[in-house]
Amino acid sequence: MSQNQLLFTPGTLWERLKQQTEYALECGALQPIPTEYEFVQQDNIRFLVRILSNLSRKDEATKQHKKKKAETGKDFNPFLPYEQDLFVADISKTHLCLLNKYNVVDNHLLIVTREFEEQENLLNLQDFQTLGYCMGEFDGLAFYNAGKVAGASQRHKHLQMIPLPMVLDGERIPIERAIATATFDNGIGVTSEFPFRHALAKLDSGWINSPVDSAGDILASYFALLKAVGIEDSDEMSGKQSGNYNLLVTREWMLVVSRSHENFKSISVNSLGFAGALLVKNQEQMKIIKEHKPLNILRDVGN
């Protein structure tokens, strides 16, 4: 098995993340997007719906991206080179961690490949080894927006991770009760509470203690989940995916959802939507969520 050597001192990543967040806020490199939130209940899931308090910062981020694309004639890559003030840690020979510049969630970590890889490439052994290193440092939800239709805003391959619980007055993850109802056949789980195509795998919680040894098993589970929702390697040489999907990973389970649409009406949905956390820009979009109901929206953008 290919070993991806650890480049940081175990037990230090959470402190580094908090320290760099404080510094990046002070110097202005980190530009948090303020939100308020409320809960929207449907069936047994209490969805967390965040609403932007101020659109200007998100609009500015979009404007800067378009400006740099116009200047260079190609998509701007914020990860190569990355902004030094957003650097958190070198994790392995293949990956490093950055702060999410325009973060909605505090301590939002990006796990980025050192060299350019396409976001639509399938995840590999090194991705899961590095993810295991990070998930061993603090309890979090990792996710991957595999393609534009799945909510990816950057082409450069990057996993993401947020600390848990999502909010102090809510569940650790809104969908966890639904996850607990899953039934399994040959290691692949489904729950009747999700009206969209999905596949679930249980993980041995000890995998984070030895990511190098366990990453092969996690990778095999990942491929099995993709196959279960109809996504396979479209090109064995390039490792490109055959369809867009969202991936959610905790210390205990991994979930894959296939995607058919990026938006429901004007509302964009990424991996966190399938964790039970949606983001809206204004009260008009909040009204859409309440009228159409979150699970119906997820069914529409799923596959």
C-alpha atoms as a PDB file:
ATOM      1  CA  MET A   1       0.000   0.000   0.000  1.00  0.00           C
ATOM      2  CA  SER A   2       1.258   3.456  -0.876  1.00  0.00           C
ATOM      3  CA  GLN A   3       2.067   5.357   2.319  1.00  0.00           C
ATOM      4  CA  ASN A   4       1.301   9.078   2.440  1.00  0.00           C
ATOM      5  CA  GLN A   5       3.630  10.341   5.178  1.00  0.00           C
ATOM      6  CA  LEU A   6       2.166  12.534   7.917  1.00  0.00           C
ATOM      7  CA  LEU A   7       3.760  16.008   7.930  1.00  0.00           C
ATOM      8  CA  PHE A   8       2.228  17.590  11.037  1.00  0.00           C
ATOM      9  CA  THR A   9       2.408  16.720  14.736  1.00  0.00           C
ATOM     10  CA  PRO A  10      -0.645  14.656  15.725  1.00  0.00           C
ATOM     11  CA  GLY A  11      -2.920  16.425  18.188  1.00  0.00           C
ATOM     12  CA  THR A  12      -2.100  19.940  16.935  1.00  0.00           C
ATOM     13  CA  LEU A  13      -4.432  20.525  13.964  1.00  0.00           C
ATOM     14  CA  TRP A  14      -7.422  21.849  15.919  1.00  0.00           C
ATOM     15  CA  GLU A  15      -5.288  24.441  17.727  1.00  0.00           C
ATOM     16  CA  ARG A  16      -3.592  25.413  14.455  1.00  0.00           C
ATOM     17  CA  LEU A  17      -7.001  25.832  12.844  1.00  0.00           C
ATOM     18  CA  LYS A  18      -8.233  28.113  15.633  1.00  0.00           C
ATOM     19  CA  GLN A  19      -5.005  30.137  15.724  1.00  0.00           C
ATOM     20  CA  GLN A  20      -4.931  30.666  11.975  1.00  0.00           C
ATOM     21  CA  THR A  21      -8.613  31.591  11.966  1.00  0.00           C
ATOM     22  CA  GLU A  22      -7.964  34.290  14.562  1.00  0.00           C
ATOM     23  CA  TYR A  23      -4.966  35.616  12.629  1.00  0.00           C
ATOM     24  CA  ALA A  24      -6.754  35.543   9.255  1.00  0.00           C
ATOM     25  CA  LEU A  25      -9.695  37.447  10.719  1.00  0.00           C
ATOM     26  CA  GLU A  26      -7.379  40.107  12.145  1.00  0.00           C
ATOM     27  CA  CYS A  27      -5.475  40.625   8.884  1.00  0.00           C
ATOM     28  CA  GLY A  28      -8.622  40.518   6.743  1.00  0.00           C
ATOM     29  CA  ALA A  29      -7.726  37.415   4.718  1.00  0.00           C
ATOM     30  CA  LEU A  30     -10.709  35.515   6.121  1.00  0.00           C
ATOM     31  CA  GLN A  31     -14.025  37.011   5.027  1.00  0.00           C
ATOM     32  CA  PRO A  32     -16.842  35.220   6.907  1.00  0.00           C
ATOM     33  CA  ILE A  33     -20.328  35.430   5.431  1.00  0.00           C
ATOM     34  CA  PRO A  34     -22.698  36.266   8.311  1.00  0.00           C
ATOM     35  CA  THR A  35     -25.898  34.248   8.573  1.00  0.00           C
ATOM     36  CA  GLU A  36     -28.838  33.672  10.843  1.00  0.00           C
ATOM     37  CA  TYR A  37     -30.636  30.338  10.966  1.00  0.00           C
ATOM     38  CA  GLU A  38     -33.868  28.622  11.783  1.00  0.00           C
ATOM     39  CA  PHE A  39     -35.088  25.040  11.782  1.00  0.00           C
ATOM     40  CA  VAL A  40     -37.565  23.569   9.315  1.00  0.00           C
ATOM     41  CA  GLN A  41     -39.021  20.211  10.319  1.00  0.00           C
ATOM     42  CA  GLN A  42     -40.034  17.575   7.784  1.00  0.00           C
ATOM     43  CA  ASP A  43     -40.860  14.059   8.926  1.00  0.00           C
ATOM     44  CA  ASN A  44     -38.130  13.007  11.382  1.00  0.00           C
ATOM     45  CA  ILE A  45     -35.509  15.487  10.177  1.00  0.00           C
ATOM     46  CA  ARG A  46     -35.081  18.942  11.679  1.00  0.00           C
ATOM     47  CA  PHE A  47     -33.380  20.815   8.854  1.00  0.00           C
ATOM     48  CA  LEU A  48     -30.982  23.648   9.652  1.00  0.00           C
ATOM     49  CA  VAL A  49     -31.625  26.487   7.202  1.00  0.00           C
ATOM     50  CA  ARG A  50     -29.179  29.390   7.202  1.00  0.00           C
ATOM     51  CA  ILE A  51     -30.127  32.725   5.666  1.00  0.00           C
ATOM     52  CA  LEU A  52     -27.544  35.313   4.643  1.00  0.00           C
ATOM     53  CA  SER A  53     -27.558  38.379   6.870  1.00  0.00           C
ATOM     54  CA  ASN A  54     -25.606  40.368   4.304  1.00  0.00           C
ATOM     55  CA  LEU A  55     -25.402  39.554   0.597  1.00  0.00           C
ATOM     56  CA  SER A  56     -22.585  41.991  -0.160  1.00  0.00           C
ATOM     57  CA  ARG A  57     -19.685  39.758   0.895  1.00  0.00           C
ATOM     58  CA  LYS A  58     -20.941  36.766  -1.106  1.00  0.00           C
ATOM     59  CA  ASP A  59     -21.567  39.033  -4.106  1.00  0.00           C
ATOM     60  CA  GLU A  60     -18.036  40.427  -3.746  1.00  0.00           C
ATOM     61  CA  ALA A  61     -16.588  36.904  -3.814  1.00  0.00           C
ATOM     62  CA  THR A  62     -18.452  36.144  -7.043  1.00  0.00           C
ATOM     63  CA  LYS A  63     -17.354  39.455  -8.564  1.00  0.00           C
ATOM     64  CA  GLN A  64     -13.680  38.867  -7.708  1.00  0.00           C
ATOM     65  CA  HIS A  65     -13.794  35.388  -9.248  1.00  0.00           C
ATOM     66  CA  LYS A  66     -15.297  36.745 -12.492  1.00  0.00           C
ATOM     67  CA  LYS A  67     -12.776  39.603 -12.585  1.00  0.00           C
ATOM     68  CA  LYS A  68      -9.786  37.269 -12.281  1.00  0.00           C
ATOM     69  CA  LYS A  69     -11.236  34.947 -14.906  1.00  0.00           C
ATOM     70  CA  ALA A  70     -11.645  37.914 -17.288  1.00  0.00           C
ATOM     71  CA  GLU A  71      -8.067  39.083 -16.624  1.00  0.00           C
ATOM     72  CA  THR A  72      -6.448  35.682 -17.193  1.00  0.00           C
ATOM     73  CA  GLY A  73      -8.874  34.183 -19.688  1.00  0.00           C
ATOM     74  CA  LYS A  74      -9.240  31.075 -17.533  1.00  0.00           C
ATOM     75  CA  ASP A  75     -10.811  30.001 -14.262  1.00  0.00           C
ATOM     76  CA  PHE A  76      -9.090  31.523 -11.235  1.00  0.00           C
ATOM     77  CA  ASN A  77      -7.581  28.866  -8.956  1.00  0.00           C
ATOM     78  CA  PRO A  78      -7.458  30.116  -5.335  1.00  0.00           C
ATOM     79  CA  PHE A  79      -5.501  27.022  -4.264  1.00  0.00           C
ATOM     80  CA  LEU A  80      -2.547  27.265  -6.653  1.00  0.00           C
ATOM     81  CA  PRO A  81      -0.954  29.390  -5.479  1.00  0.00           C
ATOM     82  CA  TYR A  82      -2.899  29.613  -2.235  1.00  0.00           C
ATOM     83  CA  GLU A  83      -3.202  32.703  -0.052  1.00  0.00           C
ATOM     84  CA  GLN A  84      -0.517  32.344   2.620  1.00  0.00           C
ATOM     85  CA  ASP A  85      -2.659  33.945   5.335  1.00  0.00           C
ATOM     86  CA  LEU A  86      -5.209  31.143   4.879  1.00  0.00           C
ATOM     87  CA  PHE A  87      -2.653  28.326   5.255  1.00  0.00           C
ATOM     88  CA  VAL A  88      -3.320  26.024   8.217  1.00  0.00           C
ATOM     89  CA  ALA A  89      -0.968  23.049   7.896  1.00  0.00           C
ATOM     90  CA  ASP A  90       0.901  20.649   5.655  1.00  0.00           C
ATOM     91  CA  ILE A  91      -0.884  17.336   6.169  1.00  0.00           C
ATOM     92  CA  SER A  92       0.888  14.934   3.836  1.00  0.00           C
ATOM     93  CA  LYS A  93       3.085  14.814   0.748  1.00  0.00           C
ATOM     94  CA  THR A  94      -0.028  15.141  -1.402  1.00  0.00           C
ATOM     95  CA  HIS A  95      -2.325  17.454   0.598  1.00  0.00           C
ATOM     96  CA  LEU A  96      -2.414  20.601   2.720  1.00  0.00           C
ATOM     97  CA  CYS A  97      -5.120  22.404   4.685  1.00  0.00           C
ATOM     98  CA  LEU A  98      -6.442  25.917   4.108  1.00  0.00           C
ATOM     99  CA  LEU A  99      -9.174  28.043   5.623  1.00  0.00           C
ATOM    100  CA  ASN A 100     -12.276  28.575   3.510  1.00  0.00           C
ATOM    101  CA  LYS A 101     -11.922  32.281   2.696  1.00  0.00           C
ATOM    102  CA  TYR A 102     -15.653  33.010   2.447  1.00  0.00           C
ATOM    103  CA  ASN A 103     -16.871  30.759   5.235  1.00  0.00           C
ATOM    104  CA  VAL A 104     -20.425  30.407   6.495  1.00  0.00           C
ATOM    105  CA  VAL A 105     -19.442  27.882   9.199  1.00  0.00           C
ATOM    106  CA  ASP A 106     -16.706  28.687  11.746  1.00  0.00           C
ATOM    107  CA  ASN A 107     -13.453  26.714  11.449  1.00  0.00           C
ATOM    108  CA  HIS A 108     -14.317  25.460   7.955  1.00  0.00           C
ATOM    109  CA  LEU A 109     -11.304  23.502   6.704  1.00  0.00           C
ATOM    110  CA  LEU A 110     -10.348  22.795   3.082  1.00  0.00           C
ATOM    111  CA  ILE A 111      -8.230  19.696   2.361  1.00  0.00           C
ATOM    112  CA  VAL A 112      -6.529  20.539  -0.928  1.00  0.00           C
ATOM    113  CA  THR A 113      -4.236  18.602  -3.273  1.00  0.00           C
ATOM    114  CA  ARG A 114      -0.794  20.198  -3.624  1.00  0.00           C
ATOM    115  CA  GLU A 115      -0.791  19.691  -7.371  1.00  0.00           C
ATOM    116  CA  PHE A 116      -3.753  20.438  -9.599  1.00  0.00           C
ATOM    117  CA  GLU A 117      -6.251  17.620  -9.937  1.00  0.00           C
ATOM    118  CA  GLU A 118      -9.753  17.929 -11.333  1.00  0.00           C
ATOM    119  CA  GLN A 119     -12.614  18.033  -8.830  1.00  0.00           C
ATOM    120  CA  GLU A 120     -14.402  15.530 -11.080  1.00  0.00           C
ATOM    121  CA  ASN A 121     -11.626  12.968 -10.597  1.00  0.00           C
ATOM    122  CA  LEU A 122     -12.574  10.080  -8.345  1.00  0.00           C
ATOM    123  CA  LEU A 123     -11.090  10.158  -4.858  1.00  0.00           C
ATOM    124  CA  ASN A 124      -8.023   7.977  -4.335  1.00  0.00           C
ATOM    125  CA  LEU A 125      -6.034   6.272  -1.600  1.00  0.00           C
ATOM    126  CA  GLN A 126      -4.068   9.432  -0.737  1.00  0.00           C
ATOM    127  CA  ASP A 127      -7.279  11.450  -0.421  1.00  0.00           C
ATOM    128  CA  PHE A 128      -8.676   9.025   2.157  1.00  0.00           C
ATOM    129  CA  GLN A 129      -5.380   8.697   4.033  1.00  0.00           C
ATOM    130  CA  THR A 130      -5.207  12.478   4.384  1.00  0.00           C
ATOM    131  CA  LEU A 131      -8.883  12.710   5.317  1.00  0.00           C
ATOM    132  CA  GLY A 132      -8.301  10.105   8.028  1.00  0.00           C
ATOM    133  CA  TYR A 133      -5.430  12.153   9.463  1.00  0.00           C
ATOM    134  CA  CYS A 134      -7.682  15.224   9.677  1.00  0.00           C
ATOM    135  CA  MET A 135     -10.723  13.411  11.065  1.00  0.00           C
ATOM    136  CA  GLY A 136      -8.543  11.945  13.804  1.00  0.00           C
ATOM    137  CA  GLU A 137      -7.791  15.481  15.006  1.00  0.00           C
ATOM    138  CA  PHE A 138     -11.352  16.630  15.772  1.00  0.00           C
ATOM    139  CA  ASP A 139     -14.909  15.383  15.417  1.00  0.00           C
ATOM    140  CA  GLY A 140     -16.167  16.719  12.120  1.00  0.00           C
ATOM    141  CA  LEU A 141     -18.251  16.187   9.024  1.00  0.00           C
ATOM    142  CA  ALA A 142     -16.217  15.864   5.839  1.00  0.00           C
ATOM    143  CA  PHE A 143     -17.808  16.349   2.454  1.00  0.00           C
ATOM    144  CA  TYR A 144     -17.004  16.401  -1.236  1.00  0.00           C
ATOM    145  CA  ASN A 145     -18.948  18.215  -3.945  1.00  0.00           C
ATOM    146  CA  ALA A 146     -18.081  16.040  -6.930  1.00  0.00           C
ATOM    147  CA  GLY A 147     -18.708  18.312  -9.900  1.00  0.00           C
ATOM    148  CA  LYS A 148     -20.507  21.560 -10.673  1.00  0.00           C
ATOM    149  CA  VAL A 149     -23.954  19.943 -10.578  1.00  0.00           C
ATOM    150  CA  ALA A 150     -23.089  18.719  -7.059  1.00  0.00           C
ATOM    151  CA  GLY A 151     -22.240  22.250  -5.893  1.00  0.00           C
ATOM    152  CA  ALA A 152     -18.497  22.467  -6.615  1.00  0.00           C
ATOM    153  CA  SER A 153     -17.370  26.072  -7.081  1.00  0.00           C
ATOM    154  CA  GLN A 154     -13.702  25.273  -7.831  1.00  0.00           C
ATOM    155  CA  ARG A 155     -12.145  22.836 -10.310  1.00  0.00           C
ATOM    156  CA  HIS A 156      -9.108  22.100  -8.111  1.00  0.00           C
ATOM    157  CA  LYS A 157      -9.744  18.949  -6.079  1.00  0.00           C
ATOM    158  CA  HIS A 158     -10.607  19.699  -2.458  1.00  0.00           C
ATOM    159  CA  LEU A 159     -12.383  17.890   0.329  1.00  0.00           C
ATOM    160  CA  GLN A 160     -13.972  20.002   3.048  1.00  0.00           C
ATOM    161  CA  MET A 161     -14.508  19.519   6.766  1.00  0.00           C
ATOM    162  CA  ILE A 162     -16.533  21.342   9.408  1.00  0.00           C
ATOM    163  CA  PRO A 163     -16.546  20.711  13.178  1.00  0.00           C
ATOM    164  CA  LEU A 164     -19.515  19.134  14.927  1.00  0.00           C
ATOM    165  CA  PRO A 165     -22.111  19.819  16.159  1.00  0.00           C
ATOM    166  CA  MET A 166     -23.236  22.103  13.329  1.00  0.00           C
ATOM    167  CA  VAL A 167     -24.988  24.410  15.810  1.00  0.00           C
ATOM    168  CA  LEU A 168     -25.099  24.204  19.602  1.00  0.00           C
ATOM    169  CA  ASP A 169     -28.906  24.147  19.853  1.00  0.00           C
ATOM    170  CA  GLY A 170     -29.411  21.488  17.179  1.00  0.00           C
ATOM    171  CA  GLU A 171     -28.515  17.881  16.471  1.00  0.00           C
ATOM    172  CA  ARG A 172     -24.901  16.968  15.828  1.00  0.00           C
ATOM    173  CA  ILE A 173     -25.915  16.392  12.196  1.00  0.00           C
ATOM    174  CA  PRO A 174     -29.600  16.843  11.270  1.00  0.00           C
ATOM    175  CA  ILE A 175     -29.843  13.581   9.288  1.00  0.00           C
ATOM    176  CA  GLU A 176     -28.332  11.305  11.945  1.00  0.00           C
ATOM    177  CA  ARG A 177     -31.685   9.974  13.160  1.00  0.00           C
ATOM    178  CA  ALA A 178     -32.537   9.007   9.583  1.00  0.00           C
ATOM    179  CA  ILE A 179     -29.115   7.386   9.160  1.00  0.00           C
ATOM    180  CA  ALA A 180     -29.828   5.270  12.248  1.00  0.00           C
ATOM    181  CA  THR A 181     -32.884   3.728  10.528  1.00  0.00           C
ATOM    182  CA  ALA A 182     -30.884   2.374   7.568  1.00  0.00           C
ATOM    183  CA  THR A 183     -31.043  -1.288   6.625  1.00  0.00           C
ATOM    184  CA  PHE A 184     -28.043  -3.001   5.029  1.00  0.00           C
ATOM    185  CA  ASP A 185     -27.527  -5.598   2.337  1.00  0.00           C
ATOM    186  CA  ASN A 186     -23.954  -6.737   1.609  1.00  0.00           C
ATOM    187  CA  GLY A 187     -22.600  -3.677   3.399  1.00  0.00           C
ATOM    188  CA  ILE A 188     -24.689  -1.141   1.446  1.00  0.00           C
ATOM    189  CA  GLY A 189     -27.339   0.709   3.447  1.00  0.00           C
ATOM    190  CA  VAL A 190     -30.446   2.669   2.499  1.00  0.00           C
ATOM    191  CA  THR A 191     -33.084   4.404   4.589  1.00  0.00           C
ATOM    192  CA  SER A 192     -36.739   4.838   3.675  1.00  0.00           C
ATOM    193  CA  GLU A 193     -36.551   8.349   5.132  1.00  0.00           C
ATOM    194  CA  PHE A 194     -34.551   9.612   2.140  1.00  0.00           C
ATOM    195  CA  PRO A 195     -36.673  10.046  -1.032  1.00  0.00           C
ATOM    196  CA  PHE A 196     -33.570  10.375  -3.233  1.00  0.00           C
ATOM    197  CA  ARG A 197     -31.086   7.827  -4.565  1.00  0.00           C
ATOM    198  CA  HIS A 198     -28.373   7.188  -1.988  1.00  0.00           C
ATOM    199  CA  ALA A 199     -26.069   4.540  -0.537  1.00  0.00           C
ATOM    200  CA  LEU A 200     -24.633   4.318   2.979  1.00  0.00           C
ATOM    201  CA  ALA A 201     -21.723   2.442   4.551  1.00  0.00           C
ATOM    202  CA  LYS A 202     -20.877   1.987   8.208  1.00  0.00           C
ATOM    203  CA  LEU A 203     -17.249   2.677   9.100  1.00  0.00           C
ATOM    204  CA  ASP A 204     -15.175   1.149  11.870  1.00  0.00           C
ATOM    205  CA  SER A 205     -14.641   4.182  14.112  1.00  0.00           C
ATOM    206  CA  GLY A 206     -11.041   3.051  14.611  1.00  0.00           C
ATOM    207  CA  TRP A 207     -10.174   3.875  10.987  1.00  0.00           C
ATOM    208  CA  ILE A 208      -9.050   7.359  11.984  1.00  0.00           C
ATOM    209  CA  ASN A 209      -6.424   5.923  14.356  1.00  0.00           C
ATOM    210  CA  SER A 210      -4.476   4.350  11.504  1.00  0.00           C
ATOM    211  CA  PRO A 211      -5.422   6.070   8.233  1.00  0.00           C
ATOM    212  CA  VAL A 212      -2.561   4.532   6.252  1.00  0.00           C
ATOM    213  CA  ASP A 213      -3.691   1.000   7.108  1.00  0.00           C
ATOM    214  CA  SER A 214      -7.440   1.612   6.848  1.00  0.00           C
ATOM    215  CA  ALA A 215      -7.629   3.901   3.793  1.00  0.00           C
ATOM    216  CA  GLY A 216      -7.741   0.951   1.393  1.00  0.00           C
ATOM    217  CA  ASP A 217     -10.894  -0.389   3.058  1.00  0.00           C
ATOM    218  CA  ILE A 218     -12.498   3.072   3.095  1.00  0.00           C
ATOM    219  CA  LEU A 219     -11.647   3.505  -0.588  1.00  0.00           C
ATOM    220  CA  ALA A 220     -13.238   0.144  -1.411  1.00  0.00           C
ATOM    221  CA  SER A 221     -16.414   1.158   0.467  1.00  0.00           C
ATOM    222  CA  TYR A 222     -16.463   4.455  -1.428  1.00  0.00           C
ATOM    223  CA  PHE A 223     -16.301   2.668  -4.790  1.00  0.00           C
ATOM    224  CA  ALA A 224     -19.054   0.270  -3.699  1.00  0.00           C
ATOM    225  CA  LEU A 225     -21.298   3.208  -2.755  1.00  0.00           C
ATOM    226  CA  LEU A 226     -20.663   4.944  -6.069  1.00  0.00           C
ATOM    227  CA  LYS A 227     -21.540   1.766  -7.943  1.00  0.00           C
ATOM    228  CA  ALA A 228     -24.728   1.399  -5.886  1.00  0.00           C
ATOM    229  CA  VAL A 229     -25.967   4.820  -7.071  1.00  0.00           C
ATOM    230  CA  GLY A 230     -24.918   4.215 -10.675  1.00  0.00           C
ATOM    231  CA  ILE A 231     -21.616   6.108 -10.778  1.00  0.00           C
ATOM    232  CA  GLU A 232     -18.469   4.391 -11.993  1.00  0.00           C
ATOM    233  CA  ASP A 233     -15.068   5.238 -13.406  1.00  0.00           C
ATOM    234  CA  SER A 234     -15.875   6.670 -16.847  1.00  0.00           C
ATOM    235  CA  ASP A 235     -12.249   6.439 -17.966  1.00  0.00           C
ATOM    236  CA  GLU A 236      -9.934   3.941 -16.275  1.00  0.00           C
ATOM    237  CA  MET A 237      -6.868   5.916 -17.343  1.00  0.00           C
ATOM    238  CA  SER A 238      -8.004   9.329 -16.080  1.00  0.00           C
ATOM    239  CA  GLY A 239     -10.015   8.241 -13.037  1.00  0.00           C
ATOM    240  CA  LYS A 240     -12.853  10.591 -13.986  1.00  0.00           C
ATOM    241  CA  GLN A 241     -16.315  10.050 -12.543  1.00  0.00           C
ATOM    242  CA  SER A 242     -19.234   9.149 -14.814  1.00  0.00           C
ATOM    243  CA  GLY A 243     -21.684  11.432 -12.993  1.00  0.00           C
ATOM    244  CA  ASN A 244     -21.924  14.134 -10.333  1.00  0.00           C
ATOM    245  CA  TYR A 245     -22.482  13.178  -6.700  1.00  0.00           C
ATOM    246  CA  ASN A 246     -22.203  14.357  -3.117  1.00  0.00           C
ATOM    247  CA  LEU A 247     -20.163  12.544  -0.473  1.00  0.00           C
ATOM    248  CA  LEU A 248     -20.552  12.889   3.299  1.00  0.00           C
ATOM    249  CA  VAL A 249     -18.113  11.239   5.739  1.00  0.00           C
ATOM    250  CA  THR A 250     -18.069  11.056   9.549  1.00  0.00           C
ATOM    251  CA  ARG A 251     -16.014   8.865  11.838  1.00  0.00           C
ATOM    252  CA  GLU A 252     -18.904   6.368  11.842  1.00  0.00           C
ATOM    253  CA  TRP A 253     -20.437   6.361   8.342  1.00  0.00           C
ATOM    254  CA  MET A 254     -20.127   7.447   4.721  1.00  0.00           C
ATOM    255  CA  LEU A 255     -23.007   8.511   2.444  1.00  0.00           C
ATOM    256  CA  VAL A 256     -23.122   9.009  -1.337  1.00  0.00           C
ATOM    257  CA  VAL A 257     -25.972  10.767  -3.167  1.00  0.00           C
ATOM    258  CA  SER A 258     -26.135  11.016  -6.960  1.00  0.00           C
ATOM    259  CA  ARG A 259     -27.080  14.366  -8.508  1.00  0.00           C
ATOM    260  CA  SER A 260     -29.117  15.460 -11.507  1.00  0.00           C
ATOM    261  CA  HIS A 261     -29.539  19.225 -10.901  1.00  0.00           C
ATOM    262  CA  GLU A 262     -27.444  21.900  -9.191  1.00  0.00           C
ATOM    263  CA  ASN A 263     -30.396  24.080  -8.149  1.00  0.00           C
ATOM    264  CA  PHE A 264     -33.988  23.880  -7.051  1.00  0.00           C
ATOM    265  CA  LYS A 265     -35.543  27.023  -8.495  1.00  0.00           C
ATOM    266  CA  SER A 266     -32.979  29.647  -7.386  1.00  0.00           C
ATOM    267  CA  ILE A 267     -31.568  27.647  -4.448  1.00  0.00           C
ATOM    268  CA  SER A 268     -28.170  25.981  -4.861  1.00  0.00           C
ATOM    269  CA  VAL A 269     -27.691  22.666  -3.042  1.00  0.00           C
ATOM    270  CA  ASN A 270     -24.338  21.085  -2.187  1.00  0.00           C
ATOM    271  CA  SER A 271     -23.308  18.177   0.053  1.00  0.00           C
ATOM    272  CA  LEU A 272     -24.361  19.937   3.245  1.00  0.00           C
ATOM    273  CA  GLY A 273     -27.939  20.035   1.962  1.00  0.00           C
ATOM    274  CA  PHE A 274     -27.996  16.233   2.141  1.00  0.00           C
ATOM    275  CA  ALA A 275     -26.637  16.438   5.692  1.00  0.00           C
ATOM    276  CA  GLY A 276     -29.739  18.480   6.518  1.00  0.00           C
ATOM    277  CA  ALA A 277     -28.207  21.964   6.271  1.00  0.00           C
ATOM    278  CA  LEU A 278     -29.413  24.348   3.557  1.00  0.00           C
ATOM    279  CA  LEU A 279     -28.345  27.909   2.729  1.00  0.00           C
ATOM    280  CA  VAL A 280     -30.645  30.585   1.317  1.00  0.00           C
ATOM    281  CA  LYS A 281     -29.904  34.139   0.220  1.00  0.00           C
ATOM    282  CA  ASN A 282     -33.116  35.844   1.321  1.00  0.00           C
ATOM    283  CA  GLN A 283     -36.614  35.459   2.748  1.00  0.00           C
ATOM    284  CA  GLU A 284     -38.006  34.668  -0.693  1.00  0.00           C
ATOM    285  CA  GLN A 285     -35.812  31.561  -0.875  1.00  0.00           C
ATOM    286  CA  MET A 286     -36.684  30.681   2.733  1.00  0.00           C
ATOM    287  CA  LYS A 287     -40.336  30.759   1.699  1.00  0.00           C
ATOM    288  CA  ILE A 288     -39.557  28.319  -1.140  1.00  0.00           C
ATOM    289  CA  ILE A 289     -37.948  25.921   1.370  1.00  0.00           C
ATOM    290  CA  LYS A 290     -40.984  26.056   3.650  1.00  0.00           C
ATOM    291  CA  GLU A 291     -43.522  25.714   0.848  1.00  0.00           C
ATOM    292  CA  HIS A 292     -41.848  22.885  -1.076  1.00  0.00           C
ATOM    293  CA  LYS A 293     -40.279  21.171   1.969  1.00  0.00           C
ATOM    294  CA  PRO A 294     -36.583  20.244   2.235  1.00  0.00           C
ATOM    295  CA  LEU A 295     -36.845  16.519   1.432  1.00  0.00           C
ATOM    296  CA  ASN A 296     -38.848  17.265  -1.712  1.00  0.00           C
ATOM    297  CA  ILE A 297     -36.166  19.739  -2.788  1.00  0.00           C
ATOM    298  CA  LEU A 298     -33.421  17.163  -2.184  1.00  0.00           C
ATOM    299  CA  ARG A 299     -35.388  14.563  -4.146  1.00  0.00           C
ATOM    300  CA  ASP A 300     -35.636  16.997  -7.070  1.00  0.00           C
ATOM    301  CA  VAL A 301     -31.895  17.763  -7.219  1.00  0.00           C
ATOM    302  CA  GLY A 302     -30.884  14.172  -6.486  1.00  0.00           C
ATOM    303  CA  ASN A 303     -31.155  11.425  -9.037  1.00  0.00           C
END
